[in-house]
All heavy atoms as atom14 arrays in JSON, in Angstrom:
{
  "sequence": "FKVDAHYHNRDGAYQVISIDEPNMVIRYQNGRTLESLIALQA",
  "atom14_mask": [
    [1, 1, 1, 1, 1, 1, 1, 1, 1, 1, 1, 0, 0, 0],
    [1, 1, 1, 1, 1, 1, 1, 1, 1, 0, 0, 0, 0, 0],
    [1, 1, 1, 1, 1, 1, 1, 0, 0, 0, 0, 0, 0, 0],
    [1, 1, 1, 1, 1, 1, 1, 1, 0, 0, 0, 0, 0, 0],
    [1, 1, 1, 1, 1, 0, 0, 0, 0, 0, 0, 0, 0, 0],
    [1, 1, 1, 1, 1, 1, 1, 1, 1, 1, 0, 0, 0, 0],
    [1, 1, 1, 1, 1, 1, 1, 1, 1, 1, 1, 1, 0, 0],
    [1, 1, 1, 1, 1, 1, 1, 1, 1, 1, 0, 0, 0, 0],
    [1, 1, 1, 1, 1, 1, 1, 1, 0, 0, 0, 0, 0, 0],
    [1, 1, 1, 1, 1, 1, 1, 1, 1, 1, 1, 0, 0, 0],
    [1, 1, 1, 1, 1, 1, 1, 1, 0, 0, 0, 0, 0, 0],
    [1, 1, 1, 1, 0, 0, 0, 0, 0, 0, 0, 0, 0, 0],
    [1, 1, 1, 1, 1, 0, 0, 0, 0, 0, 0, 0, 0, 0],
    [1, 1, 1, 1, 1, 1, 1, 1, 1, 1, 1, 1, 0, 0],
    [1, 1, 1, 1, 1, 1, 1, 1, 1, 0, 0, 0, 0, 0],
    [1, 1, 1, 1, 1, 1, 1, 0, 0, 0, 0, 0, 0, 0],
    [1, 1, 1, 1, 1, 1, 1, 1, 0, 0, 0, 0, 0, 0],
    [1, 1, 1, 1, 1, 1, 0, 0, 0, 0, 0, 0, 0, 0],
    [1, 1, 1, 1, 1, 1, 1, 1, 0, 0, 0, 0, 0, 0],
    [1, 1, 1, 1, 1, 1, 1, 1, 0, 0, 0, 0, 0, 0],
    [1, 1, 1, 1, 1, 1, 1, 1, 1, 0, 0, 0, 0, 0],
    [1, 1, 1, 1, 1, 1, 1, 0, 0, 0, 0, 0, 0, 0],
    [1, 1, 1, 1, 1, 1, 1, 1, 0, 0, 0, 0, 0, 0],
    [1, 1, 1, 1, 1, 1, 1, 1, 0, 0, 0, 0, 0, 0],
    [1, 1, 1, 1, 1, 1, 1, 0, 0, 0, 0, 0, 0, 0],
    [1, 1, 1, 1, 1, 1, 1, 1, 0, 0, 0, 0, 0, 0],
    [1, 1, 1, 1, 1, 1, 1, 1, 1, 1, 1, 0, 0, 0],
    [1, 1, 1, 1, 1, 1, 1, 1, 1, 1, 1, 1, 0, 0],
    [1, 1, 1, 1, 1, 1, 1, 1, 1, 0, 0, 0, 0, 0],
    [1, 1, 1, 1, 1, 1, 1, 1, 0, 0, 0, 0, 0, 0],
    [1, 1, 1, 1, 0, 0, 0, 0, 0, 0, 0, 0, 0, 0],
    [1, 1, 1, 1, 1, 1, 1, 1, 1, 1, 1, 0, 0, 0],
    [1, 1, 1, 1, 1, 1, 1, 0, 0, 0, 0, 0, 0, 0],
    [1, 1, 1, 1, 1, 1, 1, 1, 0, 0, 0, 0, 0, 0],
    [1, 1, 1, 1, 1, 1, 1, 1, 1, 0, 0, 0, 0, 0],
    [1, 1, 1, 1, 1, 1, 0, 0, 0, 0, 0, 0, 0, 0],
    [1, 1, 1, 1, 1, 1, 1, 1, 0, 0, 0, 0, 0, 0],
    [1, 1, 1, 1, 1, 1, 1, 1, 0, 0, 0, 0, 0, 0],
    [1, 1, 1, 1, 1, 0, 0, 0, 0, 0, 0, 0, 0, 0],
    [1, 1, 1, 1, 1, 1, 1, 1, 0, 0, 0, 0, 0, 0],
    [1, 1, 1, 1, 1, 1, 1, 1, 1, 0, 0, 0, 0, 0],
    [1, 1, 1, 1, 1, 0, 0, 0, 0, 0, 0, 0, 0, 0]
  ],
  "atom14_positions": [
    [[154.24, 97.81, 159.57], [155.46, 97.77, 158.85], [155.45, 98.64, 157.57], [154.41, 98.84, 156.86], [155.83, 96.37, 158.34], [155.99, 95.46, 159.63], [155.03, 94.41, 159.79], [156.97, 95.59, 160.55], [155.2, 93.59, 160.91], [157.13, 94.83, 161.56], [156.18, 93.8, 161.83], [0.0, 0.0, 0.0], [0.0, 0.0, 0.0], [0.0, 0.0, 0.0]],
    [[156.61, 99.18, 157.15], [156.81, 99.93, 155.95], [158.01, 99.49, 155.31], [159.02, 99.23, 156.06], [156.87, 101.39, 156.22], [155.53, 102.14, 156.72], [155.8, 103.48, 157.02], [154.6, 104.12, 157.71], [154.71, 105.49, 158.03], [0.0, 0.0, 0.0], [0.0, 0.0, 0.0], [0.0, 0.0, 0.0], [0.0, 0.0, 0.0], [0.0, 0.0, 0.0]],
    [[158.09, 99.33, 153.95], [159.24, 98.93, 153.25], [160.34, 99.94, 153.42], [160.09, 101.19, 153.54], [158.86, 98.86, 151.74], [160.14, 98.62, 150.96], [157.87, 97.64, 151.41], [0.0, 0.0, 0.0], [0.0, 0.0, 0.0], [0.0, 0.0, 0.0], [0.0, 0.0, 0.0], [0.0, 0.0, 0.0], [0.0, 0.0, 0.0], [0.0, 0.0, 0.0]],
    [[161.51, 99.54, 153.69], [162.72, 100.25, 153.95], [162.84, 100.73, 155.35], [163.97, 101.32, 155.75], [162.91, 101.56, 152.96], [163.26, 101.1, 151.54], [163.79, 100.05, 151.35], [162.78, 101.75, 150.63], [0.0, 0.0, 0.0], [0.0, 0.0, 0.0], [0.0, 0.0, 0.0], [0.0, 0.0, 0.0], [0.0, 0.0, 0.0], [0.0, 0.0, 0.0]],
    [[161.73, 100.54, 156.25], [162.0, 100.91, 157.64], [162.63, 99.78, 158.49], [162.85, 98.68, 157.93], [160.67, 101.27, 158.24], [0.0, 0.0, 0.0], [0.0, 0.0, 0.0], [0.0, 0.0, 0.0], [0.0, 0.0, 0.0], [0.0, 0.0, 0.0], [0.0, 0.0, 0.0], [0.0, 0.0, 0.0], [0.0, 0.0, 0.0], [0.0, 0.0, 0.0]],
    [[163.17, 100.12, 159.44], [164.0, 99.24, 160.44], [163.13, 98.86, 161.64], [162.55, 99.85, 162.18], [165.33, 99.74, 160.88], [166.27, 99.94, 159.67], [166.25, 101.04, 158.8], [167.19, 99.13, 159.34], [167.15, 100.81, 157.94], [167.74, 99.72, 158.13], [0.0, 0.0, 0.0], [0.0, 0.0, 0.0], [0.0, 0.0, 0.0], [0.0, 0.0, 0.0]],
    [[163.17, 97.7, 162.07], [162.45, 97.19, 163.23], [163.41, 96.12, 163.96], [164.46, 95.87, 163.55], [161.15, 96.5, 162.82], [160.19, 97.31, 162.02], [160.39, 97.44, 160.66], [159.3, 98.07, 162.67], [159.53, 98.25, 159.96], [158.33, 98.95, 161.91], [158.57, 98.94, 160.56], [157.71, 99.91, 159.81], [0.0, 0.0, 0.0], [0.0, 0.0, 0.0]],
    [[162.87, 95.61, 165.02], [163.64, 94.58, 165.82], [162.73, 93.44, 166.18], [161.49, 93.65, 166.38], [164.09, 95.14, 167.22], [165.24, 96.17, 167.12], [164.86, 97.6, 166.85], [166.49, 96.11, 167.26], [165.98, 98.19, 166.79], [166.96, 97.42, 167.08], [0.0, 0.0, 0.0], [0.0, 0.0, 0.0], [0.0, 0.0, 0.0], [0.0, 0.0, 0.0]],
    [[163.23, 92.29, 166.11], [162.65, 91.11, 166.73], [163.65, 90.35, 167.67], [164.67, 90.97, 167.87], [161.98, 90.14, 165.62], [163.06, 89.57, 164.79], [164.31, 89.46, 165.08], [162.64, 89.08, 163.58], [0.0, 0.0, 0.0], [0.0, 0.0, 0.0], [0.0, 0.0, 0.0], [0.0, 0.0, 0.0], [0.0, 0.0, 0.0], [0.0, 0.0, 0.0]],
    [[163.31, 89.22, 168.11], [164.2, 88.58, 169.07], [165.54, 88.13, 168.38], [166.49, 87.82, 169.14], [163.53, 87.43, 169.7], [162.52, 87.86, 170.67], [161.57, 86.87, 171.23], [160.6, 87.35, 172.27], [159.67, 88.11, 172.09], [159.41, 88.69, 170.82], [158.87, 88.57, 173.04], [0.0, 0.0, 0.0], [0.0, 0.0, 0.0], [0.0, 0.0, 0.0]],
    [[165.69, 88.24, 167.18], [166.87, 87.85, 166.39], [167.77, 89.05, 166.11], [168.92, 89.0, 165.5], [166.51, 87.02, 164.98], [166.05, 85.74, 165.39], [166.4, 85.03, 166.4], [165.46, 85.11, 164.52], [0.0, 0.0, 0.0], [0.0, 0.0, 0.0], [0.0, 0.0, 0.0], [0.0, 0.0, 0.0], [0.0, 0.0, 0.0], [0.0, 0.0, 0.0]],
    [[167.19, 90.19, 166.44], [167.89, 91.51, 166.17], [167.2, 92.38, 165.17], [166.13, 92.3, 164.91], [0.0, 0.0, 0.0], [0.0, 0.0, 0.0], [0.0, 0.0, 0.0], [0.0, 0.0, 0.0], [0.0, 0.0, 0.0], [0.0, 0.0, 0.0], [0.0, 0.0, 0.0], [0.0, 0.0, 0.0], [0.0, 0.0, 0.0], [0.0, 0.0, 0.0]],
    [[168.05, 93.47, 164.91], [167.51, 94.6, 164.08], [167.33, 94.05, 162.65], [168.18, 93.38, 162.1], [168.41, 95.79, 164.04], [0.0, 0.0, 0.0], [0.0, 0.0, 0.0], [0.0, 0.0, 0.0], [0.0, 0.0, 0.0], [0.0, 0.0, 0.0], [0.0, 0.0, 0.0], [0.0, 0.0, 0.0], [0.0, 0.0, 0.0], [0.0, 0.0, 0.0]],
    [[166.34, 94.49, 161.83], [166.15, 94.2, 160.53], [165.54, 95.28, 159.73], [164.85, 96.2, 160.25], [165.36, 92.87, 160.35], [163.88, 92.96, 160.78], [162.89, 93.46, 160.02], [163.66, 92.63, 162.07], [161.59, 93.45, 160.45], [162.32, 92.58, 162.56], [161.27, 93.03, 161.77], [159.91, 93.21, 162.14], [0.0, 0.0, 0.0], [0.0, 0.0, 0.0]],
    [[165.64, 95.21, 158.43], [165.06, 96.22, 157.47], [163.94, 95.39, 156.66], [164.19, 94.34, 156.26], [166.04, 96.8, 156.55], [165.45, 97.69, 155.61], [166.61, 98.26, 154.59], [167.65, 97.84, 154.5], [166.2, 99.24, 153.95], [0.0, 0.0, 0.0], [0.0, 0.0, 0.0], [0.0, 0.0, 0.0], [0.0, 0.0, 0.0], [0.0, 0.0, 0.0]],
    [[162.8, 96.04, 156.52], [161.76, 95.37, 155.62], [162.13, 95.76, 154.15], [162.34, 96.75, 153.71], [160.45, 96.03, 155.96], [159.35, 95.51, 154.98], [160.1, 95.74, 157.38], [0.0, 0.0, 0.0], [0.0, 0.0, 0.0], [0.0, 0.0, 0.0], [0.0, 0.0, 0.0], [0.0, 0.0, 0.0], [0.0, 0.0, 0.0], [0.0, 0.0, 0.0]],
    [[162.34, 94.59, 153.4], [162.75, 94.63, 152.03], [161.49, 94.72, 151.09], [161.46, 95.47, 150.21], [163.62, 93.45, 151.66], [164.82, 93.37, 152.48], [163.97, 93.58, 150.24], [165.68, 94.61, 152.54], [0.0, 0.0, 0.0], [0.0, 0.0, 0.0], [0.0, 0.0, 0.0], [0.0, 0.0, 0.0], [0.0, 0.0, 0.0], [0.0, 0.0, 0.0]],
    [[160.49, 93.88, 151.38], [159.27, 93.89, 150.61], [158.13, 93.4, 151.47], [158.28, 92.67, 152.42], [159.51, 93.06, 149.34], [159.64, 91.61, 149.64], [0.0, 0.0, 0.0], [0.0, 0.0, 0.0], [0.0, 0.0, 0.0], [0.0, 0.0, 0.0], [0.0, 0.0, 0.0], [0.0, 0.0, 0.0], [0.0, 0.0, 0.0], [0.0, 0.0, 0.0]],
    [[156.9, 93.85, 151.02], [155.65, 93.33, 151.68], [154.82, 92.88, 150.56], [154.53, 93.66, 149.67], [155.01, 94.45, 152.49], [155.99, 94.85, 153.62], [153.59, 94.0, 152.94], [155.33, 96.05, 154.44], [0.0, 0.0, 0.0], [0.0, 0.0, 0.0], [0.0, 0.0, 0.0], [0.0, 0.0, 0.0], [0.0, 0.0, 0.0], [0.0, 0.0, 0.0]],
    [[154.39, 91.55, 150.5], [153.54, 90.97, 149.63], [152.6, 90.13, 150.47], [152.83, 88.86, 150.71], [154.21, 90.15, 148.6], [153.33, 89.63, 147.47], [152.23, 90.11, 147.35], [153.84, 88.68, 146.74], [0.0, 0.0, 0.0], [0.0, 0.0, 0.0], [0.0, 0.0, 0.0], [0.0, 0.0, 0.0], [0.0, 0.0, 0.0], [0.0, 0.0, 0.0]],
    [[151.47, 90.74, 150.92], [150.67, 90.03, 152.0], [150.17, 88.65, 151.51], [149.94, 88.48, 150.34], [149.44, 90.85, 152.33], [149.92, 92.21, 152.92], [148.81, 92.92, 153.65], [147.85, 92.19, 154.2], [148.92, 94.11, 153.78], [0.0, 0.0, 0.0], [0.0, 0.0, 0.0], [0.0, 0.0, 0.0], [0.0, 0.0, 0.0], [0.0, 0.0, 0.0]],
    [[150.37, 87.68, 152.38], [150.48, 87.76, 153.81], [151.94, 87.78, 154.34], [152.26, 87.54, 155.56], [149.7, 86.55, 154.36], [149.95, 85.56, 153.26], [149.99, 86.31, 151.99], [0.0, 0.0, 0.0], [0.0, 0.0, 0.0], [0.0, 0.0, 0.0], [0.0, 0.0, 0.0], [0.0, 0.0, 0.0], [0.0, 0.0, 0.0], [0.0, 0.0, 0.0]],
    [[152.95, 87.81, 153.39], [154.31, 87.64, 153.7], [155.06, 88.92, 153.63], [154.6, 89.83, 152.97], [155.03, 86.52, 152.83], [154.46, 85.18, 153.05], [154.09, 84.84, 154.15], [154.21, 84.53, 151.94], [0.0, 0.0, 0.0], [0.0, 0.0, 0.0], [0.0, 0.0, 0.0], [0.0, 0.0, 0.0], [0.0, 0.0, 0.0], [0.0, 0.0, 0.0]],
    [[156.3, 88.97, 154.26], [157.16, 90.04, 154.06], [158.63, 89.47, 154.07], [158.86, 88.38, 154.61], [157.01, 91.02, 155.23], [157.39, 90.4, 156.6], [156.8, 91.55, 158.04], [158.15, 92.78, 157.93], [0.0, 0.0, 0.0], [0.0, 0.0, 0.0], [0.0, 0.0, 0.0], [0.0, 0.0, 0.0], [0.0, 0.0, 0.0], [0.0, 0.0, 0.0]],
    [[159.49, 90.15, 153.44], [160.94, 89.74, 153.4], [161.69, 90.84, 154.23], [161.5, 91.97, 154.04], [161.48, 89.67, 151.99], [162.9, 89.36, 151.96], [160.62, 88.7, 151.1], [0.0, 0.0, 0.0], [0.0, 0.0, 0.0], [0.0, 0.0, 0.0], [0.0, 0.0, 0.0], [0.0, 0.0, 0.0], [0.0, 0.0, 0.0], [0.0, 0.0, 0.0]],
    [[162.49, 90.25, 155.11], [163.19, 91.03, 155.99], [164.72, 90.74, 155.8], [165.09, 89.59, 155.53], [162.81, 91.06, 157.46], [162.96, 89.57, 158.08], [161.4, 91.41, 157.59], [162.54, 89.44, 159.44], [0.0, 0.0, 0.0], [0.0, 0.0, 0.0], [0.0, 0.0, 0.0], [0.0, 0.0, 0.0], [0.0, 0.0, 0.0], [0.0, 0.0, 0.0]],
    [[165.63, 91.8, 156.1], [167.13, 91.51, 156.02], [167.65, 92.02, 157.33], [167.5, 93.19, 157.68], [167.7, 92.32, 154.86], [169.16, 92.0, 154.81], [169.93, 92.55, 153.54], [169.41, 93.91, 153.24], [169.08, 94.24, 151.98], [169.06, 93.32, 150.95], [168.65, 95.38, 151.72], [0.0, 0.0, 0.0], [0.0, 0.0, 0.0], [0.0, 0.0, 0.0]],
    [[168.44, 91.11, 158.01], [169.05, 91.43, 159.21], [170.32, 92.13, 158.85], [170.88, 92.11, 157.84], [169.35, 90.19, 160.03], [168.09, 89.45, 160.65], [167.46, 88.46, 159.94], [167.46, 90.01, 161.74], [166.33, 87.95, 160.38], [166.41, 89.4, 162.23], [165.87, 88.32, 161.56], [164.61, 87.75, 162.02], [0.0, 0.0, 0.0], [0.0, 0.0, 0.0]],
    [[170.88, 92.77, 160.04], [172.17, 93.57, 159.83], [173.26, 92.75, 159.28], [174.16, 93.24, 158.68], [172.59, 94.24, 161.2], [171.63, 95.35, 161.47], [171.84, 96.0, 162.8], [172.57, 95.39, 163.64], [171.54, 97.31, 162.94], [0.0, 0.0, 0.0], [0.0, 0.0, 0.0], [0.0, 0.0, 0.0], [0.0, 0.0, 0.0], [0.0, 0.0, 0.0]],
    [[173.38, 91.41, 159.59], [174.32, 90.54, 159.08], [174.25, 90.19, 157.67], [174.97, 89.32, 157.2], [174.53, 89.35, 160.02], [173.37, 88.36, 159.98], [172.43, 88.59, 159.22], [173.44, 87.32, 160.83], [0.0, 0.0, 0.0], [0.0, 0.0, 0.0], [0.0, 0.0, 0.0], [0.0, 0.0, 0.0], [0.0, 0.0, 0.0], [0.0, 0.0, 0.0]],
    [[173.1, 90.57, 156.96], [172.83, 90.18, 155.55], [172.0, 89.06, 155.35], [171.54, 88.86, 154.31], [0.0, 0.0, 0.0], [0.0, 0.0, 0.0], [0.0, 0.0, 0.0], [0.0, 0.0, 0.0], [0.0, 0.0, 0.0], [0.0, 0.0, 0.0], [0.0, 0.0, 0.0], [0.0, 0.0, 0.0], [0.0, 0.0, 0.0], [0.0, 0.0, 0.0]],
    [[171.53, 88.36, 156.38], [170.66, 87.2, 156.21], [169.32, 87.66, 155.91], [168.86, 88.72, 156.54], [170.54, 86.4, 157.51], [169.64, 85.24, 157.52], [169.84, 84.38, 158.76], [169.22, 85.05, 160.0], [168.14, 84.73, 160.58], [167.5, 83.7, 160.28], [167.77, 85.48, 161.64], [0.0, 0.0, 0.0], [0.0, 0.0, 0.0], [0.0, 0.0, 0.0]],
    [[168.6, 87.02, 154.89], [167.27, 87.42, 154.59], [166.33, 86.45, 155.05], [166.67, 85.15, 155.16], [166.96, 87.73, 153.14], [167.38, 86.65, 152.32], [167.98, 88.92, 152.73], [0.0, 0.0, 0.0], [0.0, 0.0, 0.0], [0.0, 0.0, 0.0], [0.0, 0.0, 0.0], [0.0, 0.0, 0.0], [0.0, 0.0, 0.0], [0.0, 0.0, 0.0]],
    [[165.0, 86.76, 155.28], [164.13, 85.77, 155.81], [162.74, 86.28, 155.16], [162.34, 87.41, 155.28], [163.95, 85.8, 157.27], [162.88, 85.08, 158.12], [163.13, 83.56, 157.88], [162.91, 85.42, 159.48], [0.0, 0.0, 0.0], [0.0, 0.0, 0.0], [0.0, 0.0, 0.0], [0.0, 0.0, 0.0], [0.0, 0.0, 0.0], [0.0, 0.0, 0.0]],
    [[162.01, 85.33, 154.74], [160.52, 85.53, 154.33], [159.77, 85.08, 155.5], [159.94, 83.91, 156.05], [160.19, 84.83, 153.0], [158.79, 85.14, 152.68], [158.44, 84.65, 151.31], [159.3, 84.1, 150.55], [157.17, 84.69, 150.96], [0.0, 0.0, 0.0], [0.0, 0.0, 0.0], [0.0, 0.0, 0.0], [0.0, 0.0, 0.0], [0.0, 0.0, 0.0]],
    [[158.88, 85.84, 155.96], [158.1, 85.61, 157.15], [156.62, 86.14, 157.03], [156.31, 87.02, 156.23], [158.7, 86.36, 158.41], [157.9, 86.01, 159.63], [0.0, 0.0, 0.0], [0.0, 0.0, 0.0], [0.0, 0.0, 0.0], [0.0, 0.0, 0.0], [0.0, 0.0, 0.0], [0.0, 0.0, 0.0], [0.0, 0.0, 0.0], [0.0, 0.0, 0.0]],
    [[155.76, 85.43, 157.75], [154.37, 85.99, 157.82], [154.33, 87.35, 158.48], [155.02, 87.67, 159.52], [153.39, 85.08, 158.57], [153.17, 83.77, 157.91], [152.36, 82.81, 158.89], [152.25, 84.01, 156.67], [0.0, 0.0, 0.0], [0.0, 0.0, 0.0], [0.0, 0.0, 0.0], [0.0, 0.0, 0.0], [0.0, 0.0, 0.0], [0.0, 0.0, 0.0]],
    [[153.59, 88.32, 157.92], [153.45, 89.63, 158.5], [152.88, 89.58, 159.93], [153.39, 90.2, 160.84], [152.7, 90.59, 157.53], [153.34, 90.8, 156.22], [152.32, 91.92, 158.25], [152.55, 91.38, 155.19], [0.0, 0.0, 0.0], [0.0, 0.0, 0.0], [0.0, 0.0, 0.0], [0.0, 0.0, 0.0], [0.0, 0.0, 0.0], [0.0, 0.0, 0.0]],
    [[151.81, 88.76, 160.02], [151.1, 88.65, 161.28], [152.08, 88.18, 162.41], [151.97, 88.57, 163.56], [149.94, 87.68, 161.2], [0.0, 0.0, 0.0], [0.0, 0.0, 0.0], [0.0, 0.0, 0.0], [0.0, 0.0, 0.0], [0.0, 0.0, 0.0], [0.0, 0.0, 0.0], [0.0, 0.0, 0.0], [0.0, 0.0, 0.0], [0.0, 0.0, 0.0]],
    [[152.97, 87.12, 162.08], [154.02, 86.78, 163.1], [154.94, 87.78, 163.53], [155.12, 88.17, 164.7], [154.73, 85.55, 162.45], [155.89, 85.06, 163.38], [155.36, 84.51, 164.63], [156.73, 84.04, 162.61], [0.0, 0.0, 0.0], [0.0, 0.0, 0.0], [0.0, 0.0, 0.0], [0.0, 0.0, 0.0], [0.0, 0.0, 0.0], [0.0, 0.0, 0.0]],
    [[155.46, 88.53, 162.67], [156.44, 89.68, 162.92], [155.69, 90.82, 163.57], [156.24, 91.42, 164.52], [157.11, 90.07, 161.65], [158.06, 89.16, 161.1], [159.14, 88.71, 161.99], [159.71, 89.49, 162.76], [159.52, 87.31, 161.95], [0.0, 0.0, 0.0], [0.0, 0.0, 0.0], [0.0, 0.0, 0.0], [0.0, 0.0, 0.0], [0.0, 0.0, 0.0]],
    [[154.44, 91.09, 163.26], [153.69, 92.11, 163.94], [153.36, 91.62, 165.36], [153.57, 92.58, 166.25], [152.35, 92.37, 163.2], [0.0, 0.0, 0.0], [0.0, 0.0, 0.0], [0.0, 0.0, 0.0], [0.0, 0.0, 0.0], [0.0, 0.0, 0.0], [0.0, 0.0, 0.0], [0.0, 0.0, 0.0], [0.0, 0.0, 0.0], [0.0, 0.0, 0.0]]
  ]
}
């Protein structure tokens, strides 16, 4: 992952907003944000 890059998971496309290991914050196209473990998203 890289901040500002776009990826997909099973909930849809998202943009990486921030990375602060071991967590990352992602924002889906509908505007919903989520803090998740980097290892899980990877």
